[in-house]
């Protein structure tokens, strides 16, 4: 038994524990976008938003697109884990855990 494999398995379990945050974030995302749209009629808010969006740290993306990044990232996880599962031997001690994480990720992205 490879001790590094056990560490990988433990790290992936920690990752799995964080998945509910993505679900909560995705449900709040639509409310945030609606609130930004509502506030955009306010001249002071619009001015502040334009100032923030012109900052180089945001790489010229608007706030809505910036807030959507975690959702887009979460939608890529099943593809990544599918590939990891595909190339993990079924006899490997992490195979079942990887497969479980992959199934959880698929469920998550279906809910987002």
N, C-alpha and C. Protein backbone atom coordinates (compact mmCIF):
# COMPACT_ATOMS: atom_id res chain seq x y z
N UNK A 1 0.84 -1.18 0.00
CA UNK A 1 0.00 0.00 0.00
C UNK A 1 0.88 1.24 0.00
N UNK A 2 0.61 2.15 -0.90
CA UNK A 2 1.38 3.37 -1.04
C UNK A 2 0.83 4.44 -0.09
N UNK A 3 1.64 4.96 0.84
CA UNK A 3 1.15 5.96 1.79
C UNK A 3 0.73 7.26 1.11
N UNK A 4 1.34 7.61 -0.04
CA UNK A 4 0.95 8.82 -0.76
C UNK A 4 -0.47 8.70 -1.31
N UNK A 5 -0.87 7.51 -1.68
CA UNK A 5 -2.22 7.30 -2.19
C UNK A 5 -3.26 7.60 -1.11
N UNK A 6 -2.94 7.24 0.12
CA UNK A 6 -3.87 7.52 1.23
C UNK A 6 -4.01 9.01 1.44
N UNK A 7 -2.91 9.75 1.27
CA UNK A 7 -2.95 11.20 1.40
C UNK A 7 -3.84 11.79 0.30
N UNK A 8 -3.72 11.29 -0.90
CA UNK A 8 -4.56 11.75 -2.00
C UNK A 8 -6.03 11.52 -1.68
N UNK A 9 -6.34 10.36 -1.18
CA UNK A 9 -7.71 10.02 -0.83
C UNK A 9 -8.25 10.96 0.25
N UNK A 10 -7.45 11.26 1.24
CA UNK A 10 -7.88 12.16 2.31
C UNK A 10 -8.12 13.57 1.77
N UNK A 11 -7.24 14.03 0.91
CA UNK A 11 -7.40 15.36 0.31
C UNK A 11 -8.66 15.45 -0.53
N UNK A 12 -8.95 14.40 -1.25
CA UNK A 12 -10.15 14.40 -2.09
C UNK A 12 -11.41 14.37 -1.24
N UNK A 13 -11.36 13.71 -0.09
CA UNK A 13 -12.51 13.73 0.82
C UNK A 13 -12.75 15.13 1.36
N UNK A 14 -11.68 15.86 1.64
CA UNK A 14 -11.83 17.26 2.07
C UNK A 14 -12.48 18.09 0.97
N UNK A 15 -12.08 17.84 -0.25
CA UNK A 15 -12.67 18.53 -1.40
C UNK A 15 -14.16 18.24 -1.48
N UNK A 16 -14.53 17.01 -1.29
CA UNK A 16 -15.93 16.60 -1.35
C UNK A 16 -16.76 17.33 -0.28
N UNK A 17 -16.16 17.56 0.88
CA UNK A 17 -16.85 18.28 1.95
C UNK A 17 -17.15 19.73 1.58
N UNK A 18 -16.41 20.28 0.63
CA UNK A 18 -16.60 21.68 0.23
C UNK A 18 -17.68 21.86 -0.84
N UNK A 19 -18.13 20.79 -1.44
CA UNK A 19 -19.08 20.89 -2.54
C UNK A 19 -20.39 21.61 -2.19
N UNK A 20 -20.93 21.44 -0.99
CA UNK A 20 -22.17 22.17 -0.68
C UNK A 20 -22.03 23.70 -0.80
N UNK A 21 -20.82 24.22 -0.62
CA UNK A 21 -20.61 25.65 -0.77
C UNK A 21 -20.85 26.10 -2.21
N UNK A 22 -20.47 25.27 -3.17
CA UNK A 22 -20.74 25.60 -4.57
C UNK A 22 -22.24 25.65 -4.84
N UNK A 23 -22.96 24.70 -4.28
CA UNK A 23 -24.41 24.68 -4.47
C UNK A 23 -25.05 25.93 -3.87
N UNK A 24 -24.65 26.27 -2.67
CA UNK A 24 -25.19 27.46 -2.01
C UNK A 24 -24.83 28.71 -2.82
N UNK A 25 -23.60 28.78 -3.28
CA UNK A 25 -23.15 29.93 -4.07
C UNK A 25 -23.96 30.06 -5.35
N UNK A 26 -24.19 28.94 -6.02
CA UNK A 26 -24.91 29.00 -7.30
C UNK A 26 -26.34 29.47 -7.11
N UNK A 27 -26.97 29.08 -6.00
CA UNK A 27 -28.34 29.54 -5.74
C UNK A 27 -28.37 31.03 -5.44
N UNK A 28 -27.35 31.53 -4.76
CA UNK A 28 -27.28 32.96 -4.43
C UNK A 28 -26.83 33.79 -5.61
N UNK A 29 -26.13 33.19 -6.55
CA UNK A 29 -25.60 33.90 -7.70
C UNK A 29 -26.69 34.64 -8.47
N UNK A 30 -27.79 33.97 -8.74
CA UNK A 30 -28.87 34.59 -9.52
C UNK A 30 -29.48 35.78 -8.77
N UNK A 31 -29.57 35.67 -7.45
CA UNK A 31 -30.06 36.79 -6.65
C UNK A 31 -29.08 37.96 -6.71
N UNK A 32 -27.80 37.66 -6.69
CA UNK A 32 -26.77 38.70 -6.76
C UNK A 32 -26.82 39.43 -8.09
N UNK A 33 -26.98 38.68 -9.17
CA UNK A 33 -27.05 39.30 -10.49
C UNK A 33 -28.29 40.20 -10.59
N UNK A 34 -29.40 39.74 -10.04
CA UNK A 34 -30.62 40.54 -10.05
C UNK A 34 -30.43 41.82 -9.23
N UNK A 35 -29.75 41.71 -8.11
CA UNK A 35 -29.50 42.88 -7.25
C UNK A 35 -28.58 43.88 -7.95
N UNK A 36 -27.57 43.38 -8.63
CA UNK A 36 -26.66 44.26 -9.38
C UNK A 36 -27.44 44.98 -10.47
N UNK A 37 -28.30 44.26 -11.16
CA UNK A 37 -29.11 44.88 -12.21
C UNK A 37 -30.01 45.96 -11.62
N UNK A 38 -30.58 45.68 -10.48
CA UNK A 38 -31.45 46.65 -9.81
C UNK A 38 -30.67 47.89 -9.38
N UNK A 39 -29.49 47.67 -8.82
CA UNK A 39 -28.67 48.78 -8.35
C UNK A 39 -28.04 49.58 -9.49
N UNK A 40 -27.99 49.01 -10.66
CA UNK A 40 -27.36 49.68 -11.80
C UNK A 40 -28.09 50.95 -12.21
N UNK A 41 -29.33 51.09 -11.78
CA UNK A 41 -30.05 52.33 -12.09
C UNK A 41 -29.59 53.48 -11.19
N UNK A 42 -28.87 53.15 -10.11
CA UNK A 42 -28.32 54.16 -9.21
C UNK A 42 -27.00 54.67 -9.79
N UNK A 43 -26.91 55.98 -10.01
CA UNK A 43 -25.74 56.58 -10.66
C UNK A 43 -24.47 56.34 -9.85
N UNK A 44 -24.53 56.47 -8.53
CA UNK A 44 -23.34 56.26 -7.69
C UNK A 44 -22.86 54.81 -7.77
N UNK A 45 -23.79 53.88 -7.72
CA UNK A 45 -23.41 52.47 -7.81
C UNK A 45 -22.80 52.18 -9.18
N UNK A 46 -23.43 52.68 -10.23
CA UNK A 46 -22.94 52.45 -11.59
C UNK A 46 -21.53 53.02 -11.75
N UNK A 47 -21.30 54.20 -11.19
CA UNK A 47 -19.98 54.82 -11.26
C UNK A 47 -18.94 53.99 -10.51
N UNK A 48 -19.30 53.54 -9.33
CA UNK A 48 -18.39 52.69 -8.55
C UNK A 48 -18.10 51.38 -9.29
N UNK A 49 -19.12 50.78 -9.85
CA UNK A 49 -18.97 49.53 -10.58
C UNK A 49 -18.06 49.71 -11.80
N UNK A 50 -18.24 50.80 -12.53
CA UNK A 50 -17.39 51.08 -13.69
C UNK A 50 -15.94 51.29 -13.26
N UNK A 51 -15.76 51.96 -12.13
CA UNK A 51 -14.41 52.19 -11.61
C UNK A 51 -13.76 50.85 -11.24
N UNK A 52 -14.50 50.01 -10.55
CA UNK A 52 -13.96 48.70 -10.14
C UNK A 52 -13.67 47.82 -11.35
N UNK A 53 -14.56 47.84 -12.33
CA UNK A 53 -14.37 46.98 -13.51
C UNK A 53 -13.23 47.45 -14.39
N UNK A 54 -12.80 48.70 -14.24
CA UNK A 54 -11.68 49.19 -15.04
C UNK A 54 -10.33 48.81 -14.42
N UNK A 55 -10.34 48.28 -13.19
CA UNK A 55 -9.10 47.87 -12.54
C UNK A 55 -8.46 46.72 -13.30
N UNK A 56 -7.17 46.73 -13.38
CA UNK A 56 -6.46 45.69 -14.13
C UNK A 56 -6.56 44.32 -13.46
N UNK A 57 -6.79 44.28 -12.14
CA UNK A 57 -6.88 43.00 -11.45
C UNK A 57 -8.08 42.19 -11.94
N UNK A 58 -9.13 42.85 -12.39
CA UNK A 58 -10.31 42.15 -12.89
C UNK A 58 -10.15 41.73 -14.35
N UNK A 59 -9.06 42.16 -14.97
CA UNK A 59 -8.77 41.79 -16.36
C UNK A 59 -9.93 42.15 -17.29
N UNK A 60 -10.53 43.30 -17.04
CA UNK A 60 -11.58 43.87 -17.89
C UNK A 60 -12.82 43.00 -18.02
N UNK A 61 -13.15 42.21 -17.01
CA UNK A 61 -14.40 41.48 -17.03
C UNK A 61 -15.38 42.19 -16.10
N UNK A 62 -16.65 42.09 -16.41
CA UNK A 62 -17.63 42.76 -15.57
C UNK A 62 -17.91 41.94 -14.31
N UNK A 63 -18.56 42.57 -13.36
CA UNK A 63 -18.79 41.93 -12.07
C UNK A 63 -19.61 40.65 -12.20
N UNK A 64 -20.61 40.66 -13.06
CA UNK A 64 -21.43 39.46 -13.25
C UNK A 64 -20.61 38.28 -13.74
N UNK A 65 -19.74 38.54 -14.70
CA UNK A 65 -18.88 37.47 -15.23
C UNK A 65 -17.89 37.00 -14.16
N UNK A 66 -17.39 37.93 -13.38
CA UNK A 66 -16.46 37.57 -12.30
C UNK A 66 -17.15 36.69 -11.26
N UNK A 67 -18.39 37.03 -10.92
CA UNK A 67 -19.13 36.24 -9.94
C UNK A 67 -19.52 34.86 -10.47
N UNK A 68 -19.56 34.73 -11.78
CA UNK A 68 -19.93 33.45 -12.39
C UNK A 68 -18.75 32.46 -12.46
N UNK A 69 -17.54 32.93 -12.27
CA UNK A 69 -16.36 32.07 -12.40
C UNK A 69 -16.40 30.82 -11.53
N UNK A 70 -16.78 30.89 -10.25
CA UNK A 70 -16.84 29.65 -9.45
C UNK A 70 -17.83 28.63 -9.99
N UNK A 71 -18.93 29.10 -10.57
CA UNK A 71 -19.92 28.18 -11.15
C UNK A 71 -19.33 27.50 -12.38
N UNK A 72 -18.66 28.28 -13.22
CA UNK A 72 -18.04 27.69 -14.41
C UNK A 72 -16.95 26.70 -14.03
N UNK A 73 -16.20 27.03 -12.97
CA UNK A 73 -15.15 26.12 -12.50
C UNK A 73 -15.75 24.81 -12.00
N UNK A 74 -16.82 24.91 -11.24
CA UNK A 74 -17.47 23.71 -10.69
C UNK A 74 -17.97 22.81 -11.81
N UNK A 75 -18.40 23.39 -12.92
CA UNK A 75 -18.90 22.59 -14.03
C UNK A 75 -17.78 21.84 -14.75
N UNK A 76 -16.55 22.23 -14.53
CA UNK A 76 -15.40 21.53 -15.14
C UNK A 76 -14.92 20.35 -14.29
N UNK A 77 -15.24 20.34 -13.02
CA UNK A 77 -14.76 19.29 -12.14
C UNK A 77 -15.17 17.88 -12.58
N UNK A 78 -16.43 17.65 -12.98
CA UNK A 78 -16.78 16.29 -13.40
C UNK A 78 -15.96 15.79 -14.59
N UNK A 79 -15.63 16.69 -15.49
CA UNK A 79 -14.81 16.30 -16.65
C UNK A 79 -13.43 15.87 -16.17
N UNK A 80 -12.85 16.65 -15.28
CA UNK A 80 -11.53 16.32 -14.73
C UNK A 80 -11.56 14.99 -13.99
N UNK A 81 -12.54 14.83 -13.09
CA UNK A 81 -12.59 13.60 -12.29
C UNK A 81 -12.97 12.39 -13.14
N UNK A 82 -13.74 12.59 -14.18
CA UNK A 82 -14.05 11.48 -15.09
C UNK A 82 -12.77 10.96 -15.73
N UNK A 83 -11.91 11.87 -16.11
CA UNK A 83 -10.63 11.47 -16.70
C UNK A 83 -9.74 10.78 -15.67
N UNK A 84 -9.74 11.30 -14.45
CA UNK A 84 -8.93 10.66 -13.40
C UNK A 84 -9.43 9.25 -13.14
N UNK A 85 -10.75 9.08 -13.04
CA UNK A 85 -11.34 7.76 -12.82
C UNK A 85 -11.02 6.84 -14.01
N UNK A 86 -11.11 7.39 -15.20
CA UNK A 86 -10.87 6.60 -16.41
C UNK A 86 -9.46 5.98 -16.42
N UNK A 87 -8.49 6.73 -15.91
CA UNK A 87 -7.10 6.26 -15.96
C UNK A 87 -6.62 5.67 -14.63
N UNK A 88 -7.52 5.55 -13.66
CA UNK A 88 -7.16 4.91 -12.40
C UNK A 88 -7.53 3.43 -12.47
N UNK A 89 -6.59 2.55 -12.23
CA UNK A 89 -6.92 1.11 -12.26
C UNK A 89 -8.00 0.79 -11.22
N UNK A 90 -8.91 -0.08 -11.60
CA UNK A 90 -10.00 -0.45 -10.69
C UNK A 90 -9.46 -1.10 -9.41
N UNK A 91 -8.27 -1.62 -9.47
CA UNK A 91 -7.67 -2.25 -8.29
C UNK A 91 -7.01 -1.22 -7.36
N UNK A 92 -6.89 0.01 -7.80
CA UNK A 92 -6.25 1.05 -6.99
C UNK A 92 -7.11 1.38 -5.79
N UNK A 93 -6.48 1.63 -4.64
CA UNK A 93 -7.23 1.86 -3.41
C UNK A 93 -8.08 3.13 -3.45
N UNK A 94 -7.79 4.07 -4.34
CA UNK A 94 -8.58 5.30 -4.45
C UNK A 94 -9.68 5.22 -5.50
N UNK A 95 -9.75 4.13 -6.23
CA UNK A 95 -10.71 4.07 -7.34
C UNK A 95 -12.15 4.32 -6.88
N UNK A 96 -12.59 3.63 -5.85
CA UNK A 96 -13.98 3.80 -5.38
C UNK A 96 -14.22 5.21 -4.87
N UNK A 97 -13.26 5.75 -4.16
CA UNK A 97 -13.40 7.11 -3.65
C UNK A 97 -13.46 8.13 -4.79
N UNK A 98 -12.60 7.96 -5.77
CA UNK A 98 -12.61 8.86 -6.93
C UNK A 98 -13.93 8.77 -7.68
N UNK A 99 -14.42 7.56 -7.83
CA UNK A 99 -15.69 7.36 -8.51
C UNK A 99 -16.83 8.02 -7.73
N UNK A 100 -16.81 7.90 -6.41
CA UNK A 100 -17.83 8.54 -5.57
C UNK A 100 -17.78 10.06 -5.71
N UNK A 101 -16.59 10.61 -5.68
CA UNK A 101 -16.43 12.06 -5.84
C UNK A 101 -16.95 12.49 -7.20
N UNK A 102 -16.62 11.73 -8.22
CA UNK A 102 -17.09 12.06 -9.57
C UNK A 102 -18.61 12.06 -9.63
N UNK A 103 -19.25 11.06 -9.05
CA UNK A 103 -20.72 11.01 -9.05
C UNK A 103 -21.31 12.18 -8.28
N UNK A 104 -20.68 12.56 -7.16
CA UNK A 104 -21.15 13.71 -6.39
C UNK A 104 -21.00 15.00 -7.20
N UNK A 105 -19.92 15.10 -7.94
CA UNK A 105 -19.72 16.29 -8.77
C UNK A 105 -20.75 16.38 -9.88
N UNK A 106 -21.08 15.25 -10.46
CA UNK A 106 -22.11 15.24 -11.51
C UNK A 106 -23.45 15.68 -10.93
N UNK A 107 -23.78 15.18 -9.75
CA UNK A 107 -25.03 15.60 -9.08
C UNK A 107 -25.01 17.09 -8.80
N UNK A 108 -23.88 17.59 -8.33
CA UNK A 108 -23.76 19.01 -8.02
C UNK A 108 -23.98 19.86 -9.26
N UNK A 109 -23.31 19.51 -10.35
CA UNK A 109 -23.44 20.34 -11.55
C UNK A 109 -24.84 20.25 -12.14
N UNK A 110 -25.54 19.16 -11.91
CA UNK A 110 -26.93 19.10 -12.36
C UNK A 110 -27.82 20.03 -11.55
N UNK A 111 -27.43 20.34 -10.32
CA UNK A 111 -28.21 21.22 -9.48
C UNK A 111 -27.86 22.69 -9.68
N UNK A 112 -26.72 22.93 -10.26
CA UNK A 112 -26.27 24.33 -10.44
C UNK A 112 -27.02 24.94 -11.59
